[in-house]
């Protein structure tokens, strides 16, 4: 199947084969589709922030596996990342490995970069951006 699209930067018509588009999808997006809610998205823009992706409220337990051990809860999720509340701080720019558990029998291991961190009296809020698994 072939789709005709327009390249926004150059306004040139571009032909994209469906097979090419499908291969561009990352396994991450496929994994996230199983944990993101199917309901409405959070359309609010926080203090004028320009978000690349819509956020969805996410009821999930978080287990930090590295670089430090900790636990917490997901606040919201998008295709690009997570906002989580955890009991352990992680410095900005560090890559985390975490388990996201949405049900007793369903969890996924993700890798994410800490893009912001806020200390709170009862723990930390972290903004995470999904990244590829680090090479061993």
N, C-alpha and C. Protein backbone atom coordinates (compact mmCIF):
# COMPACT_ATOMS: atom_id res chain seq x y z
N UNK A 1 0.85 -1.16 0.00
CA UNK A 1 0.00 0.00 0.00
C UNK A 1 0.90 1.23 0.00
N UNK A 2 0.53 2.28 -0.74
CA UNK A 2 1.35 3.48 -0.85
C UNK A 2 0.52 4.67 -0.41
N UNK A 3 1.12 5.54 0.39
CA UNK A 3 0.46 6.76 0.84
C UNK A 3 1.21 7.96 0.28
N UNK A 4 0.48 8.99 -0.11
CA UNK A 4 1.11 10.24 -0.53
C UNK A 4 1.03 11.21 0.64
N UNK A 5 2.15 11.78 1.00
CA UNK A 5 2.20 12.73 2.11
C UNK A 5 2.93 13.97 1.66
N UNK A 6 2.97 14.96 2.52
CA UNK A 6 3.71 16.18 2.24
C UNK A 6 4.76 16.36 3.30
N UNK A 7 5.98 16.61 2.89
CA UNK A 7 7.06 16.90 3.83
C UNK A 7 6.86 18.33 4.31
N UNK A 8 6.61 18.54 5.59
CA UNK A 8 6.29 19.86 6.13
C UNK A 8 7.44 20.85 5.99
N UNK A 9 8.66 20.37 6.03
CA UNK A 9 9.80 21.29 5.95
C UNK A 9 9.98 21.84 4.55
N UNK A 10 9.70 21.05 3.54
CA UNK A 10 9.99 21.46 2.18
C UNK A 10 8.74 21.56 1.32
N UNK A 11 7.61 21.08 1.84
CA UNK A 11 6.35 21.06 1.11
C UNK A 11 6.46 20.29 -0.20
N UNK A 12 7.26 19.25 -0.20
CA UNK A 12 7.38 18.38 -1.36
C UNK A 12 6.50 17.17 -1.16
N UNK A 13 5.77 16.76 -2.18
CA UNK A 13 5.03 15.51 -2.03
C UNK A 13 6.01 14.35 -1.89
N UNK A 14 5.72 13.48 -0.99
CA UNK A 14 6.59 12.34 -0.73
C UNK A 14 5.75 11.08 -0.79
N UNK A 15 6.26 10.06 -1.40
CA UNK A 15 5.56 8.78 -1.43
C UNK A 15 6.20 7.87 -0.41
N UNK A 16 5.37 7.32 0.46
CA UNK A 16 5.85 6.46 1.53
C UNK A 16 5.17 5.11 1.40
N UNK A 17 5.94 4.07 1.31
CA UNK A 17 5.37 2.73 1.28
C UNK A 17 4.96 2.35 2.69
N UNK A 18 3.81 1.70 2.82
CA UNK A 18 3.33 1.29 4.13
C UNK A 18 4.33 0.37 4.82
N UNK A 19 4.97 -0.52 4.06
CA UNK A 19 5.95 -1.43 4.65
C UNK A 19 7.11 -0.66 5.26
N UNK A 20 7.54 0.41 4.60
CA UNK A 20 8.64 1.23 5.12
C UNK A 20 8.20 1.91 6.41
N UNK A 21 6.98 2.44 6.42
CA UNK A 21 6.46 3.10 7.61
C UNK A 21 6.37 2.11 8.77
N UNK A 22 5.86 0.92 8.50
CA UNK A 22 5.72 -0.09 9.55
C UNK A 22 7.07 -0.45 10.15
N UNK A 23 8.10 -0.57 9.31
CA UNK A 23 9.41 -0.94 9.83
C UNK A 23 10.02 0.18 10.66
N UNK A 24 9.54 1.43 10.46
CA UNK A 24 10.06 2.55 11.24
C UNK A 24 9.49 2.57 12.66
N UNK A 25 8.40 1.85 12.89
CA UNK A 25 7.83 1.79 14.24
C UNK A 25 8.77 1.04 15.16
N UNK A 26 8.96 1.58 16.32
CA UNK A 26 9.85 0.92 17.27
C UNK A 26 9.07 -0.07 18.11
N UNK A 27 9.73 -1.09 18.59
CA UNK A 27 9.06 -2.01 19.52
C UNK A 27 8.55 -1.28 20.75
N UNK A 28 9.20 -0.17 21.13
CA UNK A 28 8.77 0.60 22.29
C UNK A 28 7.33 1.07 22.11
N UNK A 29 7.01 1.61 20.96
CA UNK A 29 5.65 2.08 20.71
C UNK A 29 4.64 0.94 20.81
N UNK A 30 5.02 -0.22 20.33
CA UNK A 30 4.13 -1.38 20.42
C UNK A 30 3.94 -1.80 21.87
N UNK A 31 5.01 -1.79 22.66
CA UNK A 31 4.89 -2.15 24.08
C UNK A 31 4.03 -1.13 24.81
N UNK A 32 4.23 0.15 24.51
CA UNK A 32 3.48 1.18 25.20
C UNK A 32 2.00 1.12 24.89
N UNK A 33 1.65 0.72 23.69
CA UNK A 33 0.23 0.66 23.35
C UNK A 33 -0.52 -0.29 24.27
N UNK A 34 0.17 -1.26 24.84
CA UNK A 34 -0.50 -2.19 25.74
C UNK A 34 -0.66 -1.63 27.15
N UNK A 35 0.13 -0.61 27.52
CA UNK A 35 0.01 -0.07 28.87
C UNK A 35 -0.66 1.29 28.91
N UNK A 36 -0.74 2.01 27.78
CA UNK A 36 -1.40 3.31 27.80
C UNK A 36 -2.90 3.13 27.82
N UNK A 37 -3.59 3.95 28.61
CA UNK A 37 -5.04 3.85 28.66
C UNK A 37 -5.66 4.16 27.31
N UNK A 38 -6.84 3.65 27.08
CA UNK A 38 -7.53 3.89 25.81
C UNK A 38 -8.43 5.12 25.88
N UNK A 39 -8.55 5.74 27.05
CA UNK A 39 -9.44 6.89 27.23
C UNK A 39 -8.83 8.19 26.72
N UNK A 40 -9.41 9.30 27.14
CA UNK A 40 -8.98 10.61 26.69
C UNK A 40 -7.63 11.01 27.24
N UNK A 41 -6.97 11.91 26.53
CA UNK A 41 -5.65 12.37 26.92
C UNK A 41 -5.73 13.65 27.73
N UNK A 42 -4.68 13.94 28.45
CA UNK A 42 -4.56 15.18 29.20
C UNK A 42 -4.20 16.28 28.22
N UNK A 43 -5.17 17.12 27.85
CA UNK A 43 -4.93 18.15 26.84
C UNK A 43 -4.36 19.42 27.45
N UNK A 44 -4.30 19.50 28.77
CA UNK A 44 -3.81 20.72 29.41
C UNK A 44 -2.33 20.90 29.14
N UNK A 45 -1.95 22.15 28.96
CA UNK A 45 -0.54 22.48 28.77
C UNK A 45 -0.06 23.12 30.06
N UNK A 46 0.94 22.55 30.68
CA UNK A 46 1.42 22.97 31.98
C UNK A 46 2.32 24.20 31.85
N UNK A 47 1.83 25.34 32.33
CA UNK A 47 2.60 26.59 32.35
C UNK A 47 3.23 26.92 31.00
N UNK A 48 2.50 26.71 29.94
CA UNK A 48 2.98 27.08 28.62
C UNK A 48 4.00 26.13 28.02
N UNK A 49 4.23 24.99 28.66
CA UNK A 49 5.21 24.03 28.12
C UNK A 49 4.73 23.52 26.77
N UNK A 50 5.66 23.30 25.88
CA UNK A 50 5.32 22.76 24.56
C UNK A 50 5.67 21.28 24.58
N UNK A 51 4.67 20.46 24.63
CA UNK A 51 4.88 19.02 24.71
C UNK A 51 4.83 18.40 23.34
N UNK A 52 5.73 17.45 23.12
CA UNK A 52 5.76 16.75 21.84
C UNK A 52 4.67 15.70 21.74
N UNK A 53 4.28 15.12 22.88
CA UNK A 53 3.30 14.03 22.87
C UNK A 53 2.23 14.29 23.92
N UNK A 54 1.02 13.81 23.66
CA UNK A 54 -0.06 13.89 24.65
C UNK A 54 0.24 12.97 25.82
N UNK A 55 -0.26 13.35 26.99
CA UNK A 55 -0.08 12.55 28.20
C UNK A 55 -1.38 11.84 28.55
N UNK A 56 -1.24 10.66 29.14
CA UNK A 56 -2.38 9.91 29.66
C UNK A 56 -2.08 9.57 31.11
N UNK A 57 -3.10 9.67 31.95
CA UNK A 57 -2.95 9.21 33.33
C UNK A 57 -2.65 7.72 33.27
N UNK A 58 -1.74 7.27 34.11
CA UNK A 58 -1.35 5.86 34.10
C UNK A 58 -1.29 5.33 35.52
N UNK A 59 -2.05 4.30 35.79
CA UNK A 59 -2.05 3.64 37.09
C UNK A 59 -1.09 2.46 37.00
N UNK A 60 0.16 2.68 37.42
CA UNK A 60 1.18 1.63 37.31
C UNK A 60 2.18 1.75 38.45
N UNK A 61 2.66 0.62 38.91
CA UNK A 61 3.75 0.59 39.89
C UNK A 61 5.06 0.67 39.13
N UNK A 62 6.01 1.40 39.71
CA UNK A 62 7.32 1.58 39.11
C UNK A 62 8.37 0.97 40.03
N UNK A 63 9.26 0.20 39.47
CA UNK A 63 10.40 -0.33 40.21
C UNK A 63 11.67 0.11 39.48
N UNK A 64 12.46 0.97 40.13
CA UNK A 64 13.75 1.37 39.57
C UNK A 64 14.73 0.22 39.77
N UNK A 65 15.37 -0.19 38.69
CA UNK A 65 16.31 -1.31 38.75
C UNK A 65 17.76 -0.84 38.71
N UNK A 66 18.02 0.26 38.00
CA UNK A 66 19.36 0.84 37.94
C UNK A 66 19.24 2.29 37.48
N UNK A 67 20.14 3.18 37.80
CA UNK A 67 21.41 2.99 38.49
C UNK A 67 21.25 2.85 40.00
N UNK A 68 20.04 3.13 40.52
CA UNK A 68 19.75 2.93 41.94
C UNK A 68 18.47 2.11 42.04
N UNK A 69 18.26 1.48 43.19
CA UNK A 69 17.03 0.71 43.41
C UNK A 69 16.03 1.62 44.11
N UNK A 70 14.77 1.50 43.71
CA UNK A 70 13.72 2.28 44.34
C UNK A 70 12.37 1.86 43.80
N UNK A 71 11.32 2.46 44.35
CA UNK A 71 9.98 2.13 43.89
C UNK A 71 9.11 3.37 43.93
N UNK A 72 8.00 3.29 43.23
CA UNK A 72 7.08 4.42 43.20
C UNK A 72 5.90 4.14 42.30
N UNK A 73 5.30 5.23 41.81
CA UNK A 73 4.10 5.15 40.99
C UNK A 73 4.24 6.01 39.74
N UNK A 74 3.62 5.58 38.66
CA UNK A 74 3.55 6.40 37.46
C UNK A 74 2.45 7.44 37.66
N UNK A 75 2.69 8.64 37.18
CA UNK A 75 1.69 9.71 37.24
C UNK A 75 1.01 9.83 35.89
N UNK A 76 1.83 9.93 34.84
CA UNK A 76 1.27 9.95 33.50
C UNK A 76 2.29 9.39 32.52
N UNK A 77 1.82 9.11 31.31
CA UNK A 77 2.68 8.50 30.29
C UNK A 77 2.36 9.09 28.93
N UNK A 78 3.33 9.02 28.06
CA UNK A 78 3.15 9.39 26.66
C UNK A 78 4.00 8.43 25.85
N UNK A 79 3.93 8.55 24.55
CA UNK A 79 4.78 7.72 23.71
C UNK A 79 6.24 8.07 23.95
N UNK A 80 6.52 9.31 24.37
CA UNK A 80 7.90 9.75 24.56
C UNK A 80 8.49 9.49 25.93
N UNK A 81 7.66 9.27 26.96
CA UNK A 81 8.22 9.08 28.28
C UNK A 81 7.19 8.93 29.37
N UNK A 82 7.67 9.09 30.61
CA UNK A 82 6.84 8.93 31.81
C UNK A 82 7.13 10.05 32.79
N UNK A 83 6.13 10.37 33.59
CA UNK A 83 6.33 11.19 34.78
C UNK A 83 6.03 10.27 35.94
N UNK A 84 7.01 10.14 36.86
CA UNK A 84 6.85 9.19 37.96
C UNK A 84 7.15 9.85 39.30
N UNK A 85 6.60 9.29 40.36
CA UNK A 85 6.91 9.67 41.73
C UNK A 85 7.60 8.47 42.37
N UNK A 86 8.82 8.67 42.87
CA UNK A 86 9.60 7.57 43.43
C UNK A 86 10.22 7.97 44.76
N UNK A 87 10.69 6.97 45.50
CA UNK A 87 11.28 7.22 46.81
C UNK A 87 12.77 7.51 46.76
N UNK A 88 13.39 7.40 45.59
CA UNK A 88 14.83 7.56 45.44
C UNK A 88 15.12 8.56 44.33
N UNK A 89 16.04 9.48 44.57
CA UNK A 89 16.41 10.44 43.54
C UNK A 89 17.38 9.86 42.53
N UNK A 90 17.28 10.32 41.30
CA UNK A 90 18.20 9.94 40.23
C UNK A 90 18.64 11.24 39.56
N UNK A 91 19.95 11.47 39.41
CA UNK A 91 20.41 12.72 38.81
C UNK A 91 19.95 12.87 37.35
N UNK A 92 19.76 14.12 36.95
CA UNK A 92 19.40 14.44 35.57
C UNK A 92 20.48 13.91 34.63
N UNK A 93 20.06 13.46 33.46
CA UNK A 93 20.90 12.91 32.39
C UNK A 93 21.33 11.47 32.63
N UNK A 94 21.00 10.86 33.76
CA UNK A 94 21.31 9.45 33.98
C UNK A 94 20.28 8.59 33.25
N UNK A 95 20.73 7.43 32.79
CA UNK A 95 19.84 6.46 32.14
C UNK A 95 19.36 5.47 33.20
N UNK A 96 18.06 5.31 33.28
CA UNK A 96 17.45 4.39 34.25
C UNK A 96 16.91 3.15 33.53
N UNK A 97 16.95 2.06 34.24
CA UNK A 97 16.22 0.86 33.83
C UNK A 97 15.11 0.70 34.84
N UNK A 98 13.88 0.56 34.37
CA UNK A 98 12.76 0.45 35.29
C UNK A 98 11.75 -0.56 34.80
N UNK A 99 11.05 -1.13 35.77
CA UNK A 99 9.96 -2.06 35.47
C UNK A 99 8.66 -1.28 35.68
N UNK A 100 7.80 -1.30 34.66
CA UNK A 100 6.49 -0.66 34.73
C UNK A 100 5.46 -1.78 34.83
N UNK A 101 4.78 -1.86 35.98
CA UNK A 101 3.81 -2.94 36.20
C UNK A 101 2.40 -2.33 36.22
N UNK A 102 1.61 -2.67 35.21
CA UNK A 102 0.25 -2.15 35.10
C UNK A 102 -0.80 -3.11 35.65
N UNK A 103 -0.43 -4.35 35.87
CA UNK A 103 -1.31 -5.36 36.45
C UNK A 103 -0.42 -6.42 37.09
N UNK A 104 -0.95 -7.23 38.00
CA UNK A 104 -0.11 -8.25 38.63
C UNK A 104 0.58 -9.17 37.63
N UNK A 105 -0.06 -9.40 36.49
CA UNK A 105 0.53 -10.32 35.50
C UNK A 105 1.05 -9.61 34.25
N UNK A 106 1.21 -8.27 34.30
CA UNK A 106 1.67 -7.54 33.12
C UNK A 106 2.67 -6.45 33.52
N UNK A 107 3.89 -6.59 33.04
CA UNK A 107 4.90 -5.56 33.27
C UNK A 107 5.81 -5.49 32.06
N UNK A 108 6.53 -4.39 31.96
CA UNK A 108 7.48 -4.20 30.88
C UNK A 108 8.73 -3.53 31.45
N UNK A 109 9.88 -3.87 30.90
CA UNK A 109 11.14 -3.25 31.29
C UNK A 109 11.43 -2.14 30.28
N UNK A 110 11.70 -0.95 30.78
CA UNK A 110 11.97 0.20 29.92
C UNK A 110 13.29 0.85 30.32
N UNK A 111 13.85 1.58 29.38
CA UNK A 111 15.07 2.35 29.62
C UNK A 111 14.72 3.80 29.33
N UNK A 112 15.10 4.70 30.23
CA UNK A 112 14.73 6.10 30.07
C UNK A 112 15.80 7.01 30.64
N UNK A 113 15.90 8.18 30.06
CA UNK A 113 16.84 9.21 30.51
C UNK A 113 16.07 10.17 31.42
N UNK A 114 16.67 10.54 32.54
CA UNK A 114 16.05 11.51 33.45
C UNK A 114 16.26 12.90 32.84
N UNK A 115 15.17 13.57 32.47
CA UNK A 115 15.28 14.90 31.88
C UNK A 115 15.02 16.00 32.89
N UNK A 116 14.33 15.69 33.97
CA UNK A 116 14.18 16.62 35.07
C UNK A 116 13.88 15.85 36.35
N UNK A 117 14.20 16.48 37.48
CA UNK A 117 14.00 15.84 38.78
C UNK A 117 13.62 16.92 39.80
N UNK A 118 12.61 16.65 40.62
CA UNK A 118 12.17 17.59 41.65
C UNK A 118 12.09 16.84 42.99
N UNK A 119 12.83 17.33 43.98
CA UNK A 119 12.75 16.76 45.32
C UNK A 119 11.47 17.24 45.99
N UNK A 120 10.79 16.34 46.66
CA UNK A 120 9.58 16.63 47.42
C UNK A 120 9.78 16.07 48.82
N UNK A 121 9.00 16.54 49.80
CA UNK A 121 9.18 16.04 51.16
C UNK A 121 9.03 14.52 51.29
N UNK A 122 8.22 13.91 50.43
CA UNK A 122 7.99 12.47 50.54
C UNK A 122 8.65 11.67 49.43
N UNK A 123 9.55 12.27 48.65
CA UNK A 123 10.23 11.54 47.59
C UNK A 123 10.65 12.45 46.46
N UNK A 124 10.61 11.94 45.24
CA UNK A 124 11.05 12.68 44.07
C UNK A 124 10.06 12.52 42.93
N UNK A 125 9.91 13.58 42.15
CA UNK A 125 9.19 13.51 40.88
C UNK A 125 10.24 13.50 39.79
N UNK A 126 10.10 12.59 38.84
CA UNK A 126 11.06 12.48 37.74
C UNK A 126 10.33 12.55 36.41
N UNK A 127 10.93 13.28 35.48
CA UNK A 127 10.47 13.29 34.10
C UNK A 127 11.43 12.43 33.30
N UNK A 128 10.92 11.38 32.68
CA UNK A 128 11.75 10.42 31.97
C UNK A 128 11.44 10.43 30.48
N UNK A 129 12.48 10.33 29.67
CA UNK A 129 12.34 10.22 28.21
C UNK A 129 12.84 8.84 27.81
N UNK A 130 12.00 8.08 27.11
CA UNK A 130 12.38 6.73 26.70
C UNK A 130 13.58 6.78 25.76
N UNK A 131 14.50 5.83 25.95
CA UNK A 131 15.68 5.68 25.09
C UNK A 131 15.83 4.20 24.76
N UNK A 132 16.71 3.91 23.82
CA UNK A 132 17.02 2.52 23.49
C UNK A 132 17.75 1.88 24.65
N UNK A 133 17.71 0.58 24.72
CA UNK A 133 18.43 -0.15 25.77
C UNK A 133 19.92 0.12 25.62
N UNK A 134 20.62 0.43 26.73
CA UNK A 134 22.06 0.66 26.64
C UNK A 134 22.78 -0.62 26.23
N UNK A 135 23.83 -0.46 25.44
CA UNK A 135 24.60 -1.65 25.03
C UNK A 135 25.44 -2.15 26.19
N UNK A 136 25.62 -3.44 26.26
CA UNK A 136 26.35 -4.06 27.38
C UNK A 136 27.83 -3.96 27.18
